Amino acid sequence: MDLLNTRNKERKFLETCFQTHTQFVVDNTNPSLADRKKYIDRAKENKYEVVGYYFSSSLKEALRRNELRTGKEKIPAAGIKGCLRRLEMPQKAEGFDKLYFVKLSKEGFIVTDWKDEI
């Protein structure tokens, strides 16, 4: 949504990708199963491989990183807390072909294979 700004533009973009068999990335915060389902279902209907990345973060870390943002990039704290309340941990059974767990370290990102017990 950062790039496309509206759901209508997002819908048109996805339709174009499906029609042209172009790979794409959905770079949204999709905290609930329902948020993810609309993308996963459409991708599966169009024979796409679905790869997910869950970025682990504590509320404290998210709020701290958000304080470093400026302008439209900065999110109200209530928005971050609301997203956390809606969070449903992803599961491979949702339709992911591959699912990864991502954690931030001082050296950068650490990416590991998903385990549904997380």
PDB file of N, CA and C in Angstrom:
ATOM      1  N   MET A   1       0.816  -1.200   0.000  1.00  0.00           N
ATOM      2  CA  MET A   1       0.000   0.000   0.000  1.00  0.00           C
ATOM      3  C   MET A   1       0.861   1.266   0.000  1.00  0.00           C
ATOM      4  N   ASP A   2       2.090   1.178   0.480  1.00  0.00           N
ATOM      5  CA  ASP A   2       2.968   2.352   0.458  1.00  0.00           C
ATOM      6  C   ASP A   2       3.177   2.840  -0.977  1.00  0.00           C
ATOM      7  N   LEU A   3       3.309   1.912  -1.887  1.00  0.00           N
ATOM      8  CA  LEU A   3       3.559   2.252  -3.280  1.00  0.00           C
ATOM      9  C   LEU A   3       2.265   2.587  -4.035  1.00  0.00           C
ATOM     10  N   LEU A   4       1.201   1.829  -3.780  1.00  0.00           N
ATOM     11  CA  LEU A   4      -0.017   1.956  -4.579  1.00  0.00           C
ATOM     12  C   LEU A   4      -1.055   2.909  -3.987  1.00  0.00           C
ATOM     13  N   ASN A   5      -1.014   3.122  -2.691  1.00  0.00           N
ATOM     14  CA  ASN A   5      -1.850   4.099  -1.981  1.00  0.00           C
ATOM     15  C   ASN A   5      -3.329   3.743  -1.809  1.00  0.00           C
ATOM     16  N   THR A   6      -3.943   3.036  -2.741  1.00  0.00           N
ATOM     17  CA  THR A   6      -5.375   2.719  -2.608  1.00  0.00           C
ATOM     18  C   THR A   6      -5.619   1.244  -2.869  1.00  0.00           C
ATOM     19  N   ARG A   7      -6.693   0.716  -2.301  1.00  0.00           N
ATOM     20  CA  ARG A   7      -7.059  -0.693  -2.528  1.00  0.00           C
ATOM     21  C   ARG A   7      -7.419  -0.927  -3.991  1.00  0.00           C
ATOM     22  N   ASN A   8      -8.008   0.072  -4.639  1.00  0.00           N
ATOM     23  CA  ASN A   8      -8.369  -0.078  -6.049  1.00  0.00           C
ATOM     24  C   ASN A   8      -7.117  -0.256  -6.908  1.00  0.00           C
ATOM     25  N   LYS A   9      -6.085   0.543  -6.655  1.00  0.00           N
ATOM     26  CA  LYS A   9      -4.831   0.398  -7.400  1.00  0.00           C
ATOM     27  C   LYS A   9      -4.184  -0.950  -7.084  1.00  0.00           C
ATOM     28  N   GLU A  10      -4.263  -1.366  -5.830  1.00  0.00           N
ATOM     29  CA  GLU A  10      -3.717  -2.666  -5.445  1.00  0.00           C
ATOM     30  C   GLU A  10      -4.429  -3.776  -6.211  1.00  0.00           C
ATOM     31  N   ARG A  11      -5.759  -3.705  -6.275  1.00  0.00           N
ATOM     32  CA  ARG A  11      -6.549  -4.719  -6.982  1.00  0.00           C
ATOM     33  C   ARG A  11      -6.145  -4.776  -8.456  1.00  0.00           C
ATOM     34  N   LYS A  12      -6.021  -3.619  -9.091  1.00  0.00           N
ATOM     35  CA  LYS A  12      -5.632  -3.570 -10.506  1.00  0.00           C
ATOM     36  C   LYS A  12      -4.230  -4.122 -10.714  1.00  0.00           C
ATOM     37  N   PHE A  13      -3.334  -3.786  -9.793  1.00  0.00           N
ATOM     38  CA  PHE A  13      -1.963  -4.286  -9.886  1.00  0.00           C
ATOM     39  C   PHE A  13      -1.943  -5.815  -9.789  1.00  0.00           C
ATOM     40  N   LEU A  14      -2.658  -6.362  -8.820  1.00  0.00           N
ATOM     41  CA  LEU A  14      -2.688  -7.815  -8.658  1.00  0.00           C
ATOM     42  C   LEU A  14      -3.298  -8.489  -9.874  1.00  0.00           C
ATOM     43  N   GLU A  15      -4.372  -7.932 -10.413  1.00  0.00           N
ATOM     44  CA  GLU A  15      -4.990  -8.493 -11.611  1.00  0.00           C
ATOM     45  C   GLU A  15      -4.002  -8.515 -12.775  1.00  0.00           C
ATOM     46  N   THR A  16      -3.245  -7.450 -12.930  1.00  0.00           N
ATOM     47  CA  THR A  16      -2.242  -7.393 -13.993  1.00  0.00           C
ATOM     48  C   THR A  16      -1.181  -8.471 -13.781  1.00  0.00           C
ATOM     49  N   CYS A  17      -0.739  -8.631 -12.546  1.00  0.00           N
ATOM     50  CA  CYS A  17       0.249  -9.683 -12.244  1.00  0.00           C
ATOM     51  C   CYS A  17      -0.310 -11.060 -12.578  1.00  0.00           C
ATOM     52  N   PHE A  18      -1.561 -11.326 -12.193  1.00  0.00           N
ATOM     53  CA  PHE A  18      -2.158 -12.631 -12.467  1.00  0.00           C
ATOM     54  C   PHE A  18      -2.298 -12.860 -13.973  1.00  0.00           C
ATOM     55  N   GLN A  19      -2.723 -11.835 -14.692  1.00  0.00           N
ATOM     56  CA  GLN A  19      -2.920 -11.975 -16.141  1.00  0.00           C
ATOM     57  C   GLN A  19      -1.603 -12.191 -16.881  1.00  0.00           C
ATOM     58  N   THR A  20      -0.536 -11.604 -16.387  1.00  0.00           N
ATOM     59  CA  THR A  20       0.761 -11.692 -17.060  1.00  0.00           C
ATOM     60  C   THR A  20       1.699 -12.707 -16.404  1.00  0.00           C
ATOM     61  N   HIS A  21       1.217 -13.381 -15.387  1.00  0.00           N
ATOM     62  CA  HIS A  21       2.015 -14.374 -14.647  1.00  0.00           C
ATOM     63  C   HIS A  21       3.306 -13.771 -14.106  1.00  0.00           C
ATOM     64  N   THR A  22       3.183 -12.547 -13.593  1.00  0.00           N
ATOM     65  CA  THR A  22       4.324 -11.826 -13.033  1.00  0.00           C
ATOM     66  C   THR A  22       4.390 -12.041 -11.529  1.00  0.00           C
ATOM     67  N   GLN A  23       5.574 -12.331 -11.027  1.00  0.00           N
ATOM     68  CA  GLN A  23       5.744 -12.474  -9.583  1.00  0.00           C
ATOM     69  C   GLN A  23       5.567 -11.118  -8.919  1.00  0.00           C
ATOM     70  N   PHE A  24       5.123 -11.144  -7.664  1.00  0.00           N
ATOM     71  CA  PHE A  24       4.919  -9.904  -6.912  1.00  0.00           C
ATOM     72  C   PHE A  24       5.110 -10.184  -5.432  1.00  0.00           C
ATOM     73  N   VAL A  25       5.266  -9.110  -4.679  1.00  0.00           N
ATOM     74  CA  VAL A  25       5.402  -9.183  -3.228  1.00  0.00           C
ATOM     75  C   VAL A  25       4.309  -8.329  -2.607  1.00  0.00           C
ATOM     76  N   VAL A  26       3.620  -8.888  -1.620  1.00  0.00           N
ATOM     77  CA  VAL A  26       2.654  -8.118  -0.836  1.00  0.00           C
ATOM     78  C   VAL A  26       3.392  -7.698   0.422  1.00  0.00           C
ATOM     79  N   ASP A  27       3.751  -6.435   0.489  1.00  0.00           N
ATOM     80  CA  ASP A  27       4.510  -5.912   1.620  1.00  0.00           C
ATOM     81  C   ASP A  27       3.560  -5.110   2.505  1.00  0.00           C
ATOM     82  N   ASN A  28       2.657  -5.839   3.136  1.00  0.00           N
ATOM     83  CA  ASN A  28       1.667  -5.243   4.039  1.00  0.00           C
ATOM     84  C   ASN A  28       1.799  -5.898   5.404  1.00  0.00           C
ATOM     85  N   THR A  29       1.331  -5.224   6.410  1.00  0.00           N
ATOM     86  CA  THR A  29       1.160  -5.862   7.707  1.00  0.00           C
ATOM     87  C   THR A  29      -0.191  -6.554   7.642  1.00  0.00           C
ATOM     88  N   ASN A  30      -0.183  -7.867   7.644  1.00  0.00           N
ATOM     89  CA  ASN A  30      -1.402  -8.670   7.575  1.00  0.00           C
ATOM     90  C   ASN A  30      -1.488  -9.505   8.850  1.00  0.00           C
ATOM     91  N   PRO A  31      -1.956  -8.890   9.944  1.00  0.00           N
ATOM     92  CA  PRO A  31      -1.872  -9.566  11.238  1.00  0.00           C
ATOM     93  C   PRO A  31      -2.848 -10.722  11.425  1.00  0.00           C
ATOM     94  N   SER A  32      -3.959 -10.730  10.706  1.00  0.00           N
ATOM     95  CA  SER A  32      -4.952 -11.788  10.948  1.00  0.00           C
ATOM     96  C   SER A  32      -5.016 -12.761   9.785  1.00  0.00           C
ATOM     97  N   LEU A  33      -5.546 -13.923  10.081  1.00  0.00           N
ATOM     98  CA  LEU A  33      -5.760 -14.942   9.069  1.00  0.00           C
ATOM     99  C   LEU A  33      -6.620 -14.366   7.947  1.00  0.00           C
ATOM    100  N   ALA A  34      -7.654 -13.619   8.275  1.00  0.00           N
ATOM    101  CA  ALA A  34      -8.544 -13.039   7.265  1.00  0.00           C
ATOM    102  C   ALA A  34      -7.801 -12.049   6.377  1.00  0.00           C
ATOM    103  N   ASP A  35      -6.895 -11.259   6.944  1.00  0.00           N
ATOM    104  CA  ASP A  35      -6.099 -10.316   6.151  1.00  0.00           C
ATOM    105  C   ASP A  35      -5.252 -11.060   5.124  1.00  0.00           C
ATOM    106  N   ARG A  36      -4.641 -12.159   5.550  1.00  0.00           N
ATOM    107  CA  ARG A  36      -3.764 -12.925   4.667  1.00  0.00           C
ATOM    108  C   ARG A  36      -4.540 -13.755   3.662  1.00  0.00           C
ATOM    109  N   LYS A  37      -5.705 -14.249   4.072  1.00  0.00           N
ATOM    110  CA  LYS A  37      -6.485 -15.177   3.258  1.00  0.00           C
ATOM    111  C   LYS A  37      -6.812 -14.612   1.883  1.00  0.00           C
ATOM    112  N   LYS A  38      -7.191 -13.345   1.809  1.00  0.00           N
ATOM    113  CA  LYS A  38      -7.572 -12.781   0.509  1.00  0.00           C
ATOM    114  C   LYS A  38      -6.412 -12.822  -0.484  1.00  0.00           C
ATOM    115  N   TYR A  39      -5.195 -12.622  -0.014  1.00  0.00           N
ATOM    116  CA  TYR A  39      -4.040 -12.692  -0.900  1.00  0.00           C
ATOM    117  C   TYR A  39      -3.680 -14.142  -1.225  1.00  0.00           C
ATOM    118  N   ILE A  40      -3.677 -14.987  -0.207  1.00  0.00           N
ATOM    119  CA  ILE A  40      -3.303 -16.389  -0.407  1.00  0.00           C
ATOM    120  C   ILE A  40      -4.284 -17.075  -1.345  1.00  0.00           C
ATOM    121  N   ASP A  41      -5.574 -16.888  -1.121  1.00  0.00           N
ATOM    122  CA  ASP A  41      -6.577 -17.545  -1.966  1.00  0.00           C
ATOM    123  C   ASP A  41      -6.427 -17.134  -3.424  1.00  0.00           C
ATOM    124  N   ARG A  42      -6.279 -15.833  -3.673  1.00  0.00           N
ATOM    125  CA  ARG A  42      -6.145 -15.353  -5.058  1.00  0.00           C
ATOM    126  C   ARG A  42      -4.860 -15.886  -5.699  1.00  0.00           C
ATOM    127  N   ALA A  43      -3.774 -15.912  -4.927  1.00  0.00           N
ATOM    128  CA  ALA A  43      -2.516 -16.425  -5.464  1.00  0.00           C
ATOM    129  C   ALA A  43      -2.645 -17.905  -5.804  1.00  0.00           C
ATOM    130  N   LYS A  44      -3.265 -18.675  -4.927  1.00  0.00           N
ATOM    131  CA  LYS A  44      -3.433 -20.112  -5.170  1.00  0.00           C
ATOM    132  C   LYS A  44      -4.338 -20.363  -6.379  1.00  0.00           C
ATOM    133  N   GLU A  45      -5.414 -19.581  -6.497  1.00  0.00           N
ATOM    134  CA  GLU A  45      -6.318 -19.710  -7.652  1.00  0.00           C
ATOM    135  C   GLU A  45      -5.554 -19.501  -8.962  1.00  0.00           C
ATOM    136  N   ASN A  46      -4.521 -18.690  -8.901  1.00  0.00           N
ATOM    137  CA  ASN A  46      -3.742 -18.367 -10.093  1.00  0.00           C
ATOM    138  C   ASN A  46      -2.430 -19.132 -10.170  1.00  0.00           C
ATOM    139  N   LYS A  47      -2.331 -20.205  -9.390  1.00  0.00           N
ATOM    140  CA  LYS A  47      -1.198 -21.144  -9.444  1.00  0.00           C
ATOM    141  C   LYS A  47       0.144 -20.543  -9.040  1.00  0.00           C
ATOM    142  N   TYR A  48       0.106 -19.619  -8.099  1.00  0.00           N
ATOM    143  CA  TYR A  48       1.331 -19.020  -7.576  1.00  0.00           C
ATOM    144  C   TYR A  48       1.834 -19.800  -6.372  1.00  0.00           C
ATOM    145  N   GLU A  49       3.143 -19.810  -6.188  1.00  0.00           N
ATOM    146  CA  GLU A  49       3.743 -20.298  -4.954  1.00  0.00           C
ATOM    147  C   GLU A  49       3.601 -19.161  -3.934  1.00  0.00           C
ATOM    148  N   VAL A  50       3.173 -19.513  -2.721  1.00  0.00           N
ATOM    149  CA  VAL A  50       2.960 -18.505  -1.679  1.00  0.00           C
ATOM    150  C   VAL A  50       4.035 -18.672  -0.605  1.00  0.00           C
ATOM    151  N   VAL A  51       4.841 -17.630  -0.460  1.00  0.00           N
ATOM    152  CA  VAL A  51       5.925 -17.633   0.515  1.00  0.00           C
ATOM    153  C   VAL A  51       5.654 -16.512   1.512  1.00  0.00           C
ATOM    154  N   GLY A  52       5.679 -16.849   2.797  1.00  0.00           N
ATOM    155  CA  GLY A  52       5.416 -15.858   3.835  1.00  0.00           C
ATOM    156  C   GLY A  52       6.607 -15.663   4.748  1.00  0.00           C
ATOM    157  N   TYR A  53       6.716 -14.435   5.254  1.00  0.00           N
ATOM    158  CA  TYR A  53       7.755 -14.087   6.211  1.00  0.00           C
ATOM    159  C   TYR A  53       7.085 -13.423   7.404  1.00  0.00           C
ATOM    160  N   TYR A  54       7.271 -14.009   8.581  1.00  0.00           N
ATOM    161  CA  TYR A  54       6.750 -13.422   9.809  1.00  0.00           C
ATOM    162  C   TYR A  54       7.902 -12.702  10.500  1.00  0.00           C
ATOM    163  N   PHE A  55       7.764 -11.386  10.640  1.00  0.00           N
ATOM    164  CA  PHE A  55       8.802 -10.574  11.276  1.00  0.00           C
ATOM    165  C   PHE A  55       8.477 -10.436  12.754  1.00  0.00           C
ATOM    166  N   SER A  56       9.266 -11.088  13.580  1.00  0.00           N
ATOM    167  CA  SER A  56       9.053 -11.078  15.022  1.00  0.00           C
ATOM    168  C   SER A  56       9.510  -9.754  15.623  1.00  0.00           C
ATOM    169  N   SER A  57       8.666  -9.201  16.493  1.00  0.00           N
ATOM    170  CA  SER A  57       9.032  -7.961  17.165  1.00  0.00           C
ATOM    171  C   SER A  57       8.202  -7.824  18.431  1.00  0.00           C
ATOM    172  N   SER A  58       8.812  -7.346  19.480  1.00  0.00           N
ATOM    173  CA  SER A  58       8.042  -7.063  20.690  1.00  0.00           C
ATOM    174  C   SER A  58       7.391  -5.696  20.533  1.00  0.00           C
ATOM    175  N   LEU A  59       6.375  -5.438  21.318  1.00  0.00           N
ATOM    176  CA  LEU A  59       5.721  -4.132  21.283  1.00  0.00           C
ATOM    177  C   LEU A  59       6.731  -3.036  21.601  1.00  0.00           C
ATOM    178  N   LYS A  60       7.561  -3.273  22.594  1.00  0.00           N
ATOM    179  CA  LYS A  60       8.569  -2.281  22.983  1.00  0.00           C
ATOM    180  C   LYS A  60       9.513  -1.961  21.820  1.00  0.00           C
ATOM    181  N   GLU A  61       9.988  -3.005  21.117  1.00  0.00           N
ATOM    182  CA  GLU A  61      10.877  -2.801  19.975  1.00  0.00           C
ATOM    183  C   GLU A  61      10.173  -2.038  18.854  1.00  0.00           C
ATOM    184  N   ALA A  62       8.932  -2.411  18.575  1.00  0.00           N
ATOM    185  CA  ALA A  62       8.179  -1.758  17.495  1.00  0.00           C
ATOM    186  C   ALA A  62       7.959  -0.276  17.802  1.00  0.00           C
ATOM    187  N   LEU A  63       7.608   0.020  19.032  1.00  0.00           N
ATOM    188  CA  LEU A  63       7.395   1.420  19.414  1.00  0.00           C
ATOM    189  C   LEU A  63       8.708   2.215  19.337  1.00  0.00           C
ATOM    190  N   ARG A  64       9.807   1.593  19.745  1.00  0.00           N
ATOM    191  CA  ARG A  64      11.114   2.254  19.694  1.00  0.00           C
ATOM    192  C   ARG A  64      11.518   2.552  18.253  1.00  0.00           C
ATOM    193  N   ARG A  65      11.365   1.567  17.363  1.00  0.00           N
ATOM    194  CA  ARG A  65      11.712   1.787  15.958  1.00  0.00           C
ATOM    195  C   ARG A  65      10.796   2.828  15.320  1.00  0.00           C
ATOM    196  N   ASN A  66       9.529   2.819  15.711  1.00  0.00           N
ATOM    197  CA  ASN A  66       8.577   3.784  15.170  1.00  0.00           C
ATOM    198  C   ASN A  66       8.959   5.217  15.543  1.00  0.00           C
ATOM    199  N   GLU A  67       9.540   5.397  16.723  1.00  0.00           N
ATOM    200  CA  GLU A  67       9.961   6.730  17.156  1.00  0.00           C
ATOM    201  C   GLU A  67      11.052   7.308  16.258  1.00  0.00           C
ATOM    202  N   LEU A  68      11.760   6.445  15.543  1.00  0.00           N
ATOM    203  CA  LEU A  68      12.814   6.890  14.629  1.00  0.00           C
ATOM    204  C   LEU A  68      12.247   7.367  13.291  1.00  0.00           C
ATOM    205  N   ARG A  69      10.985   7.085  13.053  1.00  0.00           N
ATOM    206  CA  ARG A  69      10.336   7.483  11.802  1.00  0.00           C
ATOM    207  C   ARG A  69       9.876   8.930  11.866  1.00  0.00           C
ATOM    208  N   THR A  70       9.690   9.504  10.676  1.00  0.00           N
ATOM    209  CA  THR A  70       9.181  10.863  10.589  1.00  0.00           C
ATOM    210  C   THR A  70       8.061  10.922   9.553  1.00  0.00           C
ATOM    211  N   GLY A  71       7.296  11.975   9.605  1.00  0.00           N
ATOM    212  CA  GLY A  71       6.254  12.214   8.613  1.00  0.00           C
ATOM    213  C   GLY A  71       5.212  11.111   8.551  1.00  0.00           C
ATOM    214  N   LYS A  72       4.781  10.793   7.317  1.00  0.00           N
ATOM    215  CA  LYS A  72       3.737   9.790   7.114  1.00  0.00           C
ATOM    216  C   LYS A  72       4.187   8.387   7.507  1.00  0.00           C
ATOM    217  N   GLU A  73       5.497   8.159   7.581  1.00  0.00           N
ATOM    218  CA  GLU A  73       6.013   6.845   7.948  1.00  0.00           C
ATOM    219  C   GLU A  73       5.761   6.525   9.420  1.00  0.00           C
ATOM    220  N   LYS A  74       5.643   7.561  10.257  1.00  0.00           N
ATOM    221  CA  LYS A  74       5.430   7.351  11.690  1.00  0.00           C
ATOM    222  C   LYS A  74       3.967   6.978  11.930  1.00  0.00           C
ATOM    223  N   ILE A  75       3.766   5.900  12.670  1.00  0.00           N
ATOM    224  CA  ILE A  75       2.431   5.368  12.943  1.00  0.00           C
ATOM    225  C   ILE A  75       2.045   5.731  14.368  1.00  0.00           C
ATOM    226  N   PRO A  76       0.803   6.155  14.606  1.00  0.00           N
ATOM    227  CA  PRO A  76       0.392   6.406  15.992  1.00  0.00           C
ATOM    228  C   PRO A  76       0.556   5.138  16.835  1.00  0.00           C
ATOM    229  N   ALA A  77       0.992   5.298  18.072  1.00  0.00           N
ATOM    230  CA  ALA A  77       1.214   4.148  18.968  1.00  0.00           C
ATOM    231  C   ALA A  77      -0.050   3.292  19.070  1.00  0.00           C
ATOM    232  N   ALA A  78      -1.217   3.929  19.062  1.00  0.00           N
ATOM    233  CA  ALA A  78      -2.476   3.169  19.141  1.00  0.00           C
ATOM    234  C   ALA A  78      -2.628   2.234  17.946  1.00  0.00           C
ATOM    235  N   GLY A  79      -2.135   2.636  16.786  1.00  0.00           N
ATOM    236  CA  GLY A  79      -2.201   1.785  15.604  1.00  0.00           C
ATOM    237  C   GLY A  79      -1.328   0.554  15.744  1.00  0.00           C
ATOM    238  N   ILE A  80      -0.150   0.726  16.314  1.00  0.00           N
ATOM    239  CA  ILE A  80       0.759  -0.408  16.529  1.00  0.00           C
ATOM    240  C   ILE A  80       0.160  -1.369  17.555  1.00  0.00           C
ATOM    241  N   LYS A  81      -0.378  -0.821  18.622  1.00  0.00           N
ATOM    242  CA  LYS A  81      -0.988  -1.666  19.662  1.00  0.00           C
ATOM    243  C   LYS A  81      -2.216  -2.389  19.133  1.00  0.00           C
ATOM    244  N   GLY A  82      -3.005  -1.716  18.301  1.00  0.00           N
ATOM    245  CA  GLY A  82      -4.185  -2.344  17.706  1.00  0.00           C
ATOM    246  C   GLY A  82      -3.804  -3.497  16.789  1.00  0.00           C
ATOM    247  N   CYS A  83      -2.740  -3.316  16.037  1.00  0.00           N
ATOM    248  CA  CYS A  83      -2.254  -4.379  15.154  1.00  0.00           C
ATOM    249  C   CYS A  83      -1.826  -5.596  15.977  1.00  0.00           C
ATOM    250  N   LEU A  84      -1.150  -5.355  17.073  1.00  0.00           N
ATOM    251  CA  LEU A  84      -0.728  -6.443  17.948  1.00  0.00           C
ATOM    252  C   LEU A  84      -1.933  -7.206  18.500  1.00  0.00           C
ATOM    253  N   ARG A  85      -2.997  -6.492  18.847  1.00  0.00           N
ATOM    254  CA  ARG A  85      -4.212  -7.153  19.362  1.00  0.00           C
ATOM    255  C   ARG A  85      -4.861  -8.049  18.311  1.00  0.00           C
ATOM    256  N   ARG A  86      -4.742  -7.677  17.048  1.00  0.00           N
ATOM    257  CA  ARG A  86      -5.343  -8.457  15.959  1.00  0.00           C
ATOM    258  C   ARG A  86      -4.448  -9.605  15.490  1.00  0.00           C
ATOM    259  N   LEU A  87      -3.217  -9.643  15.980  1.00  0.00           N
ATOM    260  CA  LEU A  87      -2.245 -10.617  15.485  1.00  0.00           C
ATOM    261  C   LEU A  87      -2.694 -12.051  15.729  1.00  0.00           C
ATOM    262  N   GLU A  88      -2.728 -12.811  14.650  1.00  0.00           N
ATOM    263  CA  GLU A  88      -2.902 -14.262  14.696  1.00  0.00           C
ATOM    264  C   GLU A  88      -1.659 -14.836  14.018  1.00  0.00           C
ATOM    265  N   MET A  89      -0.931 -15.640  14.741  1.00  0.00           N
ATOM    266  CA  MET A  89       0.302 -16.190  14.186  1.00  0.00           C
ATOM    267  C   MET A  89      -0.022 -16.984  12.927  1.00  0.00           C
ATOM    268  N   PRO A  90       0.772 -16.783  11.872  1.00  0.00           N
ATOM    269  CA  PRO A  90       0.514 -17.543  10.645  1.00  0.00           C
ATOM    270  C   PRO A  90       0.807 -19.022  10.843  1.00  0.00           C
ATOM    271  N   GLN A  91       0.172 -19.824  10.024  1.00  0.00           N
ATOM    272  CA  GLN A  91       0.372 -21.271  10.024  1.00  0.00           C
ATOM    273  C   GLN A  91       0.509 -21.717   8.571  1.00  0.00           C
ATOM    274  N   LYS A  92       1.348 -22.700   8.315  1.00  0.00           N
ATOM    275  CA  LYS A  92       1.514 -23.198   6.947  1.00  0.00           C
ATOM    276  C   LYS A  92       0.184 -23.662   6.367  1.00  0.00           C
ATOM    277  N   ALA A  93      -0.703 -24.170   7.222  1.00  0.00           N
ATOM    278  CA  ALA A  93      -1.992 -24.690   6.762  1.00  0.00           C
ATOM    279  C   ALA A  93      -2.876 -23.619   6.115  1.00  0.00           C
ATOM    280  N   GLU A  94      -2.543 -22.353   6.283  1.00  0.00           N
ATOM    281  CA  GLU A  94      -3.306 -21.276   5.646  1.00  0.00           C
ATOM    282  C   GLU A  94      -3.146 -21.305   4.127  1.00  0.00           C
ATOM    283  N   GLY A  95      -2.132 -22.014   3.654  1.00  0.00           N
ATOM    284  CA  GLY A  95      -1.891 -22.087   2.215  1.00  0.00           C
ATOM    285  C   GLY A  95      -0.490 -21.672   1.811  1.00  0.00           C
ATOM    286  N   PHE A  96       0.345 -21.399   2.791  1.00  0.00           N
ATOM    287  CA  PHE A  96       1.734 -21.055   2.471  1.00  0.00           C
ATOM    288  C   PHE A  96       2.460 -22.289   1.947  1.00  0.00           C
ATOM    289  N   ASP A  97       3.211 -22.114   0.875  1.00  0.00           N
ATOM    290  CA  ASP A  97       4.077 -23.185   0.406  1.00  0.00           C
ATOM    291  C   ASP A  97       5.366 -23.190   1.214  1.00  0.00           C
ATOM    292  N   LYS A  98       5.792 -21.999   1.583  1.00  0.00           N
ATOM    293  CA  LYS A  98       6.969 -21.825   2.438  1.00  0.00           C
ATOM    294  C   LYS A  98       6.649 -20.699   3.403  1.00  0.00           C
ATOM    295  N   LEU A  99       7.129 -20.855   4.627  1.00  0.00           N
ATOM    296  CA  LEU A  99       6.898 -19.844   5.652  1.00  0.00           C
ATOM    297  C   LEU A  99       8.168 -19.720   6.480  1.00  0.00           C
ATOM    298  N   TYR A 100       8.579 -18.471   6.706  1.00  0.00           N
ATOM    299  CA  TYR A 100       9.827 -18.214   7.416  1.00  0.00           C
ATOM    300  C   TYR A 100       9.589 -17.298   8.610  1.00  0.00           C
ATOM    301  N   PHE A 101      10.437 -17.459   9.606  1.00  0.00           N
ATOM    302  CA  PHE A 101      10.446 -16.645  10.816  1.00  0.00           C
ATOM    303  C   PHE A 101      11.641 -15.710  10.709  1.00  0.00           C
ATOM    304  N   VAL A 102      11.417 -14.418  10.860  1.00  0.00           N
ATOM    305  CA  VAL A 102      12.490 -13.428  10.713  1.00  0.00           C
ATOM    306  C   VAL A 102      12.638 -12.660  12.017  1.00  0.00           C
ATOM    307  N   LYS A 103      13.865 -12.579  12.477  1.00  0.00           N
ATOM    308  CA  LYS A 103      14.164 -11.853  13.703  1.00  0.00           C
ATOM    309  C   LYS A 103      15.278 -10.863  13.398  1.00  0.00           C
ATOM    310  N   LEU A 104      15.180  -9.686  13.987  1.00  0.00           N
ATOM    311  CA  LEU A 104      16.194  -8.658  13.802  1.00  0.00           C
ATOM    312  C   LEU A 104      17.272  -8.816  14.862  1.00  0.00           C
ATOM    313  N   SER A 105      18.516  -8.782  14.426  1.00  0.00           N
ATOM    314  CA  SER A 105      19.641  -8.819  15.363  1.00  0.00           C
ATOM    315  C   SER A 105      20.525  -7.610  15.072  1.00  0.00           C
ATOM    316  N   LYS A 106      21.546  -7.424  15.863  1.00  0.00           N
ATOM    317  CA  LYS A 106      22.472  -6.305  15.648  1.00  0.00           C
ATOM    318  C   LYS A 106      23.192  -6.434  14.305  1.00  0.00           C
ATOM    319  N   GLU A 107      23.331  -7.671  13.822  1.00  0.00           N
ATOM    320  CA  GLU A 107      24.020  -7.920  12.564  1.00  0.00           C
ATOM    321  C   GLU A 107      23.079  -7.832  11.364  1.00  0.00           C
ATOM    322  N   GLY A 108      21.784  -7.790  11.585  1.00  0.00           N
ATOM    323  CA  GLY A 108      20.813  -7.766  10.487  1.00  0.00           C
ATOM    324  C   GLY A 108      19.688  -8.749  10.746  1.00  0.00           C
ATOM    325  N   PHE A 109      19.104  -9.249   9.689  1.00  0.00           N
ATOM    326  CA  PHE A 109      17.994 -10.194   9.812  1.00  0.00           C
ATOM    327  C   PHE A 109      18.495 -11.617   9.945  1.00  0.00           C
ATOM    328  N   ILE A 110      17.835 -12.380  10.806  1.00  0.00           N
ATOM    329  CA  ILE A 110      18.075 -13.812  10.925  1.00  0.00           C
ATOM    330  C   ILE A 110      16.804 -14.494  10.441  1.00  0.00           C
ATOM    331  N   VAL A 111      16.915 -15.280   9.375  1.00  0.00           N
ATOM    332  CA  VAL A 111      15.758 -15.948   8.777  1.00  0.00           C
ATOM    333  C   VAL A 111      15.885 -17.440   9.025  1.00  0.00           C
ATOM    334  N   THR A 112      14.832 -18.031   9.607  1.00  0.00           N
ATOM    335  CA  THR A 112      14.821 -19.463   9.865  1.00  0.00           C
ATOM    336  C   THR A 112      13.525 -20.067   9.333  1.00  0.00           C
ATOM    337  N   ASP A 113      13.551 -21.367   9.084  1.00  0.00           N
ATOM    338  CA  ASP A 113      12.345 -22.060   8.646  1.00  0.00           C
ATOM    339  C   ASP A 113      11.285 -21.988   9.734  1.00  0.00           C
ATOM    340  N   TRP A 114      10.057 -21.940   9.311  1.00  0.00           N
ATOM    341  CA  TRP A 114       8.911 -21.837  10.225  1.00  0.00           C
ATOM    342  C   TRP A 114       8.660 -23.185  10.915  1.00  0.00           C
ATOM    343  N   LYS A 115       8.273 -23.090  12.160  1.00  0.00           N
ATOM    344  CA  LYS A 115       7.804 -24.251  12.915  1.00  0.00           C
ATOM    345  C   LYS A 115       6.478 -23.816  13.522  1.00  0.00           C
ATOM    346  N   ASP A 116       5.396 -24.562  13.254  1.00  0.00           N
ATOM    347  CA  ASP A 116       4.066 -24.158  13.706  1.00  0.00           C
ATOM    348  C   ASP A 116       3.952 -24.060  15.227  1.00  0.00           C
ATOM    349  N   GLU A 117       4.947 -24.571  15.955  1.00  0.00           N
ATOM    350  CA  GLU A 117       4.909 -24.487  17.419  1.00  0.00           C
ATOM    351  C   GLU A 117       5.298 -23.105  17.926  1.00  0.00           C
ATOM    352  N   ILE A 118       5.818 -22.251  17.052  1.00  0.00           N
ATOM    353  CA  ILE A 118       6.321 -20.927  17.475  1.00  0.00           C
ATOM    354  C   ILE A 118       5.207 -20.151  18.155  1.00  0.00           C
TER     355      ILE A 118
END
